[in-house]
Structures are given as C-alpha cells and as structure tokens.
Amino acid sequence: MKIRLKYDAMGQSQFFKSLMALYLDNDPEMVKVVEKIKQKDKIMSKAKIKSAAKEISRGHALLKDLALTKSEIDDLFDLLEEVDSGE
C-alpha cells in the first residue's frame, strides 16, 4: 500500500482522511465502492443495497431542491464578511 501511495504522491493519513470525507459526504462514487464491498463480503442483501442506494440518491436530490448549495453558502459567508468589515 505504501508503494502505491508513494506512486500517487499521497501519504497514508491524507489517503484515509480523504476516504472518510468521501464516505461521510455520501459521495456517489464512494457509495458505489461501499455497495461493491457489501456485495463482495455479503454484508447486505442485494435488495437492501439497492434500497439504500435509492434512499441516498433521493436524499441528494432533496438536499439539492431544498437546501443551499456549497457555493450559495460560500456567497453568504462572503456577504457576512463584507458587512463585518464595513462597520
């Protein structure tokens, strides 16, 4: 693993932190990896894996429809900084 990480110019800590961030953010590509692991190791049935994937997908769509995007949140913080610096 160390050789492979060295080839990719990445340390173990950075690699695992990045993986955890993708996992916690329900990144679509990471969801596929987790599904693959569940199928390979027979952790969940295929029906439950498919159901979980649909729920995650619906959650992403709902967040997109109802919540602020990352760029909108960044814009709000920029506006707040401008207001603070102007007073």
N, C-alpha and C. Protein backbone atom coordinates (compact mmCIF):
# COMPACT_ATOMS: atom_id res chain seq x y z
N MET A 1 0.82 -1.18 0.00
CA MET A 1 0.00 0.00 0.00
C MET A 1 0.87 1.26 0.00
N LYS A 2 1.94 1.22 0.81
CA LYS A 2 2.81 2.39 0.88
C LYS A 2 3.44 2.70 -0.48
N ILE A 3 3.81 1.66 -1.20
CA ILE A 3 4.41 1.87 -2.52
C ILE A 3 3.40 2.51 -3.46
N ARG A 4 2.18 2.00 -3.42
CA ARG A 4 1.13 2.55 -4.29
C ARG A 4 0.84 4.01 -3.93
N LEU A 5 0.77 4.31 -2.63
CA LEU A 5 0.51 5.69 -2.19
C LEU A 5 1.67 6.60 -2.57
N LYS A 6 2.89 6.08 -2.46
CA LYS A 6 4.05 6.88 -2.85
C LYS A 6 3.99 7.19 -4.34
N TYR A 7 3.59 6.22 -5.14
CA TYR A 7 3.44 6.44 -6.58
C TYR A 7 2.42 7.54 -6.85
N ASP A 8 1.34 7.59 -6.07
CA ASP A 8 0.30 8.61 -6.22
C ASP A 8 0.62 9.89 -5.46
N ALA A 9 1.81 9.97 -4.88
CA ALA A 9 2.26 11.15 -4.12
C ALA A 9 1.30 11.50 -3.00
N MET A 10 0.93 10.47 -2.23
CA MET A 10 -0.03 10.68 -1.15
C MET A 10 0.42 9.90 0.08
N GLY A 11 0.24 10.51 1.25
CA GLY A 11 0.55 9.81 2.49
C GLY A 11 -0.65 9.02 2.97
N GLN A 12 -0.40 8.08 3.89
CA GLN A 12 -1.50 7.27 4.42
C GLN A 12 -2.55 8.12 5.11
N SER A 13 -2.12 9.07 5.88
CA SER A 13 -3.05 9.93 6.61
C SER A 13 -3.96 10.69 5.65
N GLN A 14 -3.36 11.29 4.65
CA GLN A 14 -4.14 12.04 3.67
C GLN A 14 -5.12 11.12 2.94
N PHE A 15 -4.66 9.94 2.59
CA PHE A 15 -5.50 8.98 1.89
C PHE A 15 -6.73 8.60 2.72
N PHE A 16 -6.51 8.23 3.97
CA PHE A 16 -7.62 7.80 4.81
C PHE A 16 -8.55 8.96 5.18
N LYS A 17 -7.99 10.14 5.40
CA LYS A 17 -8.84 11.31 5.68
C LYS A 17 -9.73 11.61 4.48
N SER A 18 -9.16 11.52 3.29
CA SER A 18 -9.93 11.78 2.08
C SER A 18 -11.02 10.73 1.89
N LEU A 19 -10.68 9.48 2.13
CA LEU A 19 -11.69 8.41 2.03
C LEU A 19 -12.83 8.64 3.01
N MET A 20 -12.48 8.99 4.23
CA MET A 20 -13.52 9.21 5.25
C MET A 20 -14.41 10.39 4.88
N ALA A 21 -13.82 11.44 4.35
CA ALA A 21 -14.62 12.61 3.93
C ALA A 21 -15.59 12.22 2.83
N LEU A 22 -15.11 11.45 1.84
CA LEU A 22 -15.99 11.00 0.77
C LEU A 22 -17.12 10.12 1.31
N TYR A 23 -16.77 9.25 2.24
CA TYR A 23 -17.76 8.35 2.84
C TYR A 23 -18.81 9.13 3.62
N LEU A 24 -18.37 10.06 4.44
CA LEU A 24 -19.30 10.84 5.27
C LEU A 24 -20.16 11.79 4.45
N ASP A 25 -19.63 12.24 3.31
CA ASP A 25 -20.40 13.13 2.43
C ASP A 25 -21.31 12.37 1.48
N ASN A 26 -21.34 11.03 1.60
CA ASN A 26 -22.12 10.20 0.70
C ASN A 26 -21.82 10.50 -0.76
N ASP A 27 -20.54 10.66 -1.05
CA ASP A 27 -20.11 10.89 -2.43
C ASP A 27 -20.61 9.74 -3.30
N PRO A 28 -21.24 10.05 -4.45
CA PRO A 28 -21.80 8.99 -5.29
C PRO A 28 -20.80 7.89 -5.68
N GLU A 29 -19.57 8.27 -5.96
CA GLU A 29 -18.56 7.25 -6.31
C GLU A 29 -18.22 6.39 -5.11
N MET A 30 -18.16 7.00 -3.92
CA MET A 30 -17.85 6.24 -2.71
C MET A 30 -19.02 5.31 -2.37
N VAL A 31 -20.24 5.76 -2.61
CA VAL A 31 -21.41 4.91 -2.37
C VAL A 31 -21.30 3.64 -3.21
N LYS A 32 -20.84 3.78 -4.46
CA LYS A 32 -20.67 2.62 -5.32
C LYS A 32 -19.62 1.66 -4.76
N VAL A 33 -18.53 2.23 -4.22
CA VAL A 33 -17.48 1.40 -3.63
C VAL A 33 -18.02 0.64 -2.42
N VAL A 34 -18.77 1.33 -1.58
CA VAL A 34 -19.34 0.69 -0.38
C VAL A 34 -20.32 -0.41 -0.79
N GLU A 35 -21.13 -0.14 -1.81
CA GLU A 35 -22.06 -1.16 -2.32
C GLU A 35 -21.29 -2.39 -2.79
N LYS A 36 -20.20 -2.16 -3.50
CA LYS A 36 -19.37 -3.26 -4.01
C LYS A 36 -18.81 -4.09 -2.85
N ILE A 37 -18.35 -3.42 -1.80
CA ILE A 37 -17.82 -4.12 -0.63
C ILE A 37 -18.92 -4.93 0.04
N LYS A 38 -20.10 -4.33 0.18
CA LYS A 38 -21.22 -5.04 0.81
C LYS A 38 -21.60 -6.29 0.01
N GLN A 39 -21.61 -6.19 -1.31
CA GLN A 39 -21.93 -7.35 -2.14
C GLN A 39 -20.84 -8.41 -2.05
N LYS A 40 -19.60 -7.98 -2.14
CA LYS A 40 -18.47 -8.91 -2.13
C LYS A 40 -18.41 -9.67 -0.82
N ASP A 41 -18.57 -8.95 0.29
CA ASP A 41 -18.47 -9.57 1.61
C ASP A 41 -19.81 -10.06 2.14
N LYS A 42 -20.86 -9.96 1.31
CA LYS A 42 -22.20 -10.41 1.66
C LYS A 42 -22.68 -9.83 2.99
N ILE A 43 -22.49 -8.51 3.13
CA ILE A 43 -22.89 -7.80 4.34
C ILE A 43 -24.39 -7.53 4.32
N MET A 44 -24.93 -7.20 3.16
CA MET A 44 -26.35 -6.92 3.00
C MET A 44 -26.85 -7.67 1.76
N SER A 45 -28.14 -7.89 1.72
CA SER A 45 -28.72 -8.49 0.53
C SER A 45 -28.70 -7.48 -0.61
N LYS A 46 -28.78 -7.95 -1.83
CA LYS A 46 -28.77 -7.06 -2.99
C LYS A 46 -29.96 -6.11 -2.96
N ALA A 47 -31.10 -6.59 -2.48
CA ALA A 47 -32.30 -5.74 -2.40
C ALA A 47 -32.09 -4.60 -1.42
N LYS A 48 -31.49 -4.90 -0.26
CA LYS A 48 -31.24 -3.85 0.74
C LYS A 48 -30.20 -2.85 0.24
N ILE A 49 -29.18 -3.34 -0.46
CA ILE A 49 -28.15 -2.46 -1.02
C ILE A 49 -28.78 -1.51 -2.03
N LYS A 50 -29.63 -2.06 -2.90
CA LYS A 50 -30.30 -1.24 -3.91
C LYS A 50 -31.21 -0.22 -3.24
N SER A 51 -31.92 -0.64 -2.20
CA SER A 51 -32.82 0.27 -1.48
C SER A 51 -32.04 1.40 -0.81
N ALA A 52 -30.92 1.06 -0.19
CA ALA A 52 -30.09 2.07 0.46
C ALA A 52 -29.55 3.07 -0.55
N ALA A 53 -29.15 2.58 -1.71
CA ALA A 53 -28.63 3.47 -2.76
C ALA A 53 -29.72 4.43 -3.24
N LYS A 54 -30.95 3.92 -3.38
CA LYS A 54 -32.05 4.78 -3.79
C LYS A 54 -32.33 5.85 -2.75
N GLU A 55 -32.28 5.47 -1.47
CA GLU A 55 -32.51 6.44 -0.39
C GLU A 55 -31.45 7.54 -0.41
N ILE A 56 -30.21 7.16 -0.61
CA ILE A 56 -29.13 8.15 -0.66
C ILE A 56 -29.33 9.07 -1.85
N SER A 57 -29.71 8.50 -2.99
CA SER A 57 -29.95 9.30 -4.18
C SER A 57 -31.10 10.28 -3.96
N ARG A 58 -32.18 9.81 -3.34
CA ARG A 58 -33.31 10.69 -3.04
C ARG A 58 -32.89 11.79 -2.06
N GLY A 59 -32.04 11.44 -1.11
CA GLY A 59 -31.55 12.43 -0.15
C GLY A 59 -30.74 13.52 -0.83
N HIS A 60 -29.89 13.13 -1.78
CA HIS A 60 -29.11 14.12 -2.54
C HIS A 60 -30.04 15.05 -3.31
N ALA A 61 -31.05 14.46 -3.95
CA ALA A 61 -32.00 15.27 -4.73
C ALA A 61 -32.77 16.23 -3.82
N LEU A 62 -33.17 15.75 -2.66
CA LEU A 62 -33.90 16.60 -1.72
C LEU A 62 -33.03 17.74 -1.21
N LEU A 63 -31.79 17.44 -0.88
CA LEU A 63 -30.87 18.49 -0.44
C LEU A 63 -30.67 19.53 -1.53
N LYS A 64 -30.57 19.05 -2.76
CA LYS A 64 -30.38 19.96 -3.87
C LYS A 64 -31.61 20.86 -4.05
N ASP A 65 -32.80 20.29 -3.89
CA ASP A 65 -34.04 21.05 -4.07
C ASP A 65 -34.32 22.01 -2.91
N LEU A 66 -33.99 21.62 -1.69
CA LEU A 66 -34.41 22.38 -0.52
C LEU A 66 -33.30 23.18 0.17
N ALA A 67 -32.10 22.72 0.04
CA ALA A 67 -31.01 23.34 0.80
C ALA A 67 -30.15 24.24 -0.09
N LEU A 68 -29.31 24.98 0.56
CA LEU A 68 -28.35 25.83 -0.14
C LEU A 68 -27.20 24.99 -0.68
N THR A 69 -26.72 25.36 -1.82
CA THR A 69 -25.55 24.69 -2.37
C THR A 69 -24.31 25.21 -1.66
N LYS A 70 -23.20 24.52 -1.85
CA LYS A 70 -21.95 24.96 -1.23
C LYS A 70 -21.57 26.35 -1.70
N SER A 71 -21.76 26.65 -2.97
CA SER A 71 -21.41 27.98 -3.49
C SER A 71 -22.33 29.05 -2.89
N GLU A 72 -23.60 28.74 -2.68
CA GLU A 72 -24.51 29.70 -2.06
C GLU A 72 -24.11 29.97 -0.61
N ILE A 73 -23.72 28.92 0.09
CA ILE A 73 -23.26 29.09 1.48
C ILE A 73 -22.00 29.94 1.50
N ASP A 74 -21.06 29.68 0.58
CA ASP A 74 -19.84 30.47 0.50
C ASP A 74 -20.16 31.94 0.21
N ASP A 75 -21.13 32.17 -0.68
CA ASP A 75 -21.55 33.54 -1.01
C ASP A 75 -22.10 34.25 0.22
N LEU A 76 -22.89 33.53 1.02
CA LEU A 76 -23.45 34.12 2.24
C LEU A 76 -22.34 34.51 3.22
N PHE A 77 -21.35 33.63 3.39
CA PHE A 77 -20.24 33.96 4.28
C PHE A 77 -19.45 35.15 3.75
N ASP A 78 -19.29 35.23 2.44
CA ASP A 78 -18.60 36.39 1.85
C ASP A 78 -19.37 37.67 2.15
N LEU A 79 -20.69 37.62 2.02
CA LEU A 79 -21.51 38.79 2.33
C LEU A 79 -21.39 39.18 3.79
N LEU A 80 -21.39 38.20 4.68
CA LEU A 80 -21.25 38.48 6.11
C LEU A 80 -19.90 39.12 6.41
N GLU A 81 -18.85 38.66 5.75
CA GLU A 81 -17.54 39.25 5.95
C GLU A 81 -17.51 40.68 5.47
N GLU A 82 -18.17 40.96 4.35
CA GLU A 82 -18.23 42.33 3.84
C GLU A 82 -18.97 43.25 4.82
N VAL A 83 -20.04 42.74 5.37
CA VAL A 83 -20.82 43.54 6.34
C VAL A 83 -19.98 43.81 7.58
N ASP A 84 -19.27 42.80 8.07
CA ASP A 84 -18.43 42.97 9.25
C ASP A 84 -17.29 43.96 9.01
N SER A 85 -16.69 43.90 7.84
CA SER A 85 -15.56 44.78 7.57
C SER A 85 -16.03 46.21 7.27
N GLY A 86 -17.30 46.38 6.87
CA GLY A 86 -17.82 47.69 6.56
C GLY A 86 -18.30 48.47 7.79
N GLU A 87 -18.48 47.82 8.90
CA GLU A 87 -18.96 48.51 10.10
C GLU A 87 -17.87 49.11 10.93
